Protein backbone atom coordinates (compact mmCIF):
# COMPACT_ATOMS: atom_id res chain seq x y z
CA MET A 1 72.43 19.61 134.28
CA ILE A 2 75.20 19.31 131.72
CA ALA A 3 76.67 22.65 132.80
CA ILE A 4 76.95 21.49 136.41
CA GLN A 5 78.64 18.25 135.36
CA SER A 6 81.00 20.21 133.16
CA MET A 7 81.80 22.55 136.05
CA PHE A 8 82.68 19.64 138.35
CA ILE A 9 84.91 18.12 135.68
CA ILE A 10 86.71 21.45 135.24
CA ILE A 11 87.18 21.80 139.00
CA GLY A 12 88.47 18.23 139.27
CA TYR A 13 91.05 18.68 136.52
CA SER A 14 92.08 22.06 137.92
CA VAL A 15 92.70 20.47 141.32
CA LEU A 16 94.74 17.73 139.65
CA ILE A 17 96.83 20.32 137.79
CA LEU A 18 97.40 22.25 141.03
CA PHE A 19 98.40 19.05 142.79
CA LEU A 20 100.98 18.30 140.08
CA TYR A 21 102.28 21.88 140.34
CA LEU A 22 102.70 21.54 144.11
CA VAL A 23 104.40 18.14 143.74
CA ILE A 24 106.89 19.75 141.36
CA ALA A 25 107.41 22.55 143.91
CA PHE A 26 108.00 19.95 146.62
CA ILE A 27 110.53 18.12 144.45
CA VAL A 28 112.39 21.37 143.71
CA GLY A 29 112.45 22.21 147.43
CA THR A 30 113.70 18.72 148.29
CA VAL A 31 116.42 18.75 145.66
CA LYS A 32 117.62 22.19 146.77
CA LYS A 33 117.18 21.17 150.44
CA ASN A 34 115.20 24.34 151.07
CA ASN A 35 111.52 23.80 151.82
CA GLY A 36 111.17 27.55 152.26
CA LEU A 37 110.84 27.68 148.48
CA MET A 38 107.26 26.55 148.93
CA ASP A 39 106.45 30.09 150.10
CA VAL A 40 107.56 31.35 146.70
CA PHE A 41 105.56 28.69 144.82
CA TYR A 42 102.22 29.16 146.50
CA GLY A 43 101.51 32.63 145.01
CA PRO A 44 101.70 31.54 141.38
CA GLY A 45 99.58 28.53 142.32
CA TYR A 46 96.54 30.82 142.19
CA PHE A 47 97.44 31.71 138.62
CA VAL A 48 97.89 28.04 137.75
CA ILE A 49 94.33 27.38 138.95
CA ALA A 50 92.91 30.39 137.07
CA VAL A 51 94.61 29.57 133.76
CA SER A 52 93.84 25.87 133.95
CA SER A 53 90.19 26.61 134.68
CA LEU A 54 90.02 29.08 131.80
CA ILE A 55 91.60 26.64 129.35
CA LEU A 56 89.46 23.71 130.50
CA TYR A 57 86.32 25.84 130.29
CA PHE A 58 87.22 26.78 126.73
CA ILE A 59 87.84 23.14 125.81
CA ALA A 60 84.51 22.07 127.33
CA ASN A 61 82.29 24.87 126.00
CA ASN A 62 84.19 26.34 123.00
CA GLU A 63 83.64 29.89 124.25
CA ILE A 64 85.36 32.42 126.48
CA ASN A 65 83.74 35.46 128.02
CA ILE A 66 85.68 38.72 128.38
CA ARG A 67 84.83 38.64 132.10
CA GLN A 68 86.74 35.36 132.48
CA ILE A 69 89.80 36.85 130.80
CA ILE A 70 89.69 39.93 133.04
CA VAL A 71 89.37 37.80 136.18
CA THR A 72 92.29 35.63 135.04
CA LEU A 73 94.42 38.74 134.46
CA LEU A 74 93.52 40.08 137.91
CA VAL A 75 94.46 36.75 139.46
CA PHE A 76 97.76 36.93 137.56
CA ILE A 77 98.47 40.39 139.01
CA TRP A 78 97.63 39.13 142.52
CA ALA A 79 99.82 36.04 142.11
CA LEU A 80 102.69 38.16 140.81
CA ARG A 81 102.36 40.43 143.85
CA LEU A 82 102.47 37.44 146.20
CA TYR A 83 105.47 36.01 144.36
CA CYS A 84 107.41 39.29 144.50
CA ILE A 85 106.69 39.86 148.20
CA LYS A 86 107.75 36.32 149.14
CA LYS A 87 110.83 36.62 146.96
CA PHE A 88 111.77 39.89 148.70
CA TYR A 89 111.31 38.50 152.21
CA SER A 90 113.14 35.29 151.39
CA SER A 91 116.05 37.36 150.11
CA LEU A 92 116.13 39.09 153.51
CA HIS A 93 116.62 35.72 155.15
CA ILE A 94 119.36 34.57 152.79
CA SER A 95 121.72 37.52 152.40
CA ARG A 96 123.25 38.49 155.73
CA ASN A 97 125.59 41.11 154.26
CA CYS A 98 122.76 43.35 153.12
CA ASP A 99 122.67 46.96 154.33
CA ILE A 100 119.05 46.58 155.35
CA TYR A 101 120.27 44.86 158.53
CA ARG A 102 121.94 48.08 159.60
CA PHE A 103 119.09 50.42 158.73
CA PHE A 104 116.05 48.32 159.71
CA PRO A 105 117.05 46.02 162.58
CA ARG A 106 113.47 45.71 163.90
CA LEU A 107 112.16 44.63 160.49
CA VAL A 108 114.89 42.05 160.09
CA HIS A 109 114.37 40.73 163.62
CA GLN A 110 110.62 40.47 163.00
CA TYR A 111 111.00 38.33 159.86
CA ASN A 112 113.87 36.12 161.08
C-alpha cells in the first residue's frame, strides 16, 4: 500500500514539475512573441518528466535500478530527436534565403 501511495506522490510532483516547465516555455514564447517555440519545448518535456520521476523515486525509496537509468537515457535520446527535428523544421520557416527553397520546393510548401 505504501508503494502505491509513493507512486501517486511521485506522479503528482512530476506533473507539477512539467506544468512549471510548460509555464516557463509559455512565458518565453510570449516574451519573444513567437508561440511556435512551444513546438521546440514539448520534446524535452518528456525528458523533464523522466528525470523528475527518477529523482523523486530515488528520494522516496533511496534506491535506483539500472533499468530506470536505461529507460531515462532512452527517453533522453527520444526527446533530443524530437527537439532536433522541430528545430530543423522551425529553421525552415524562419530563414527565407536558404537554398533549400530552390532545391526542395515541395517540401518547403508542405511545411509552410
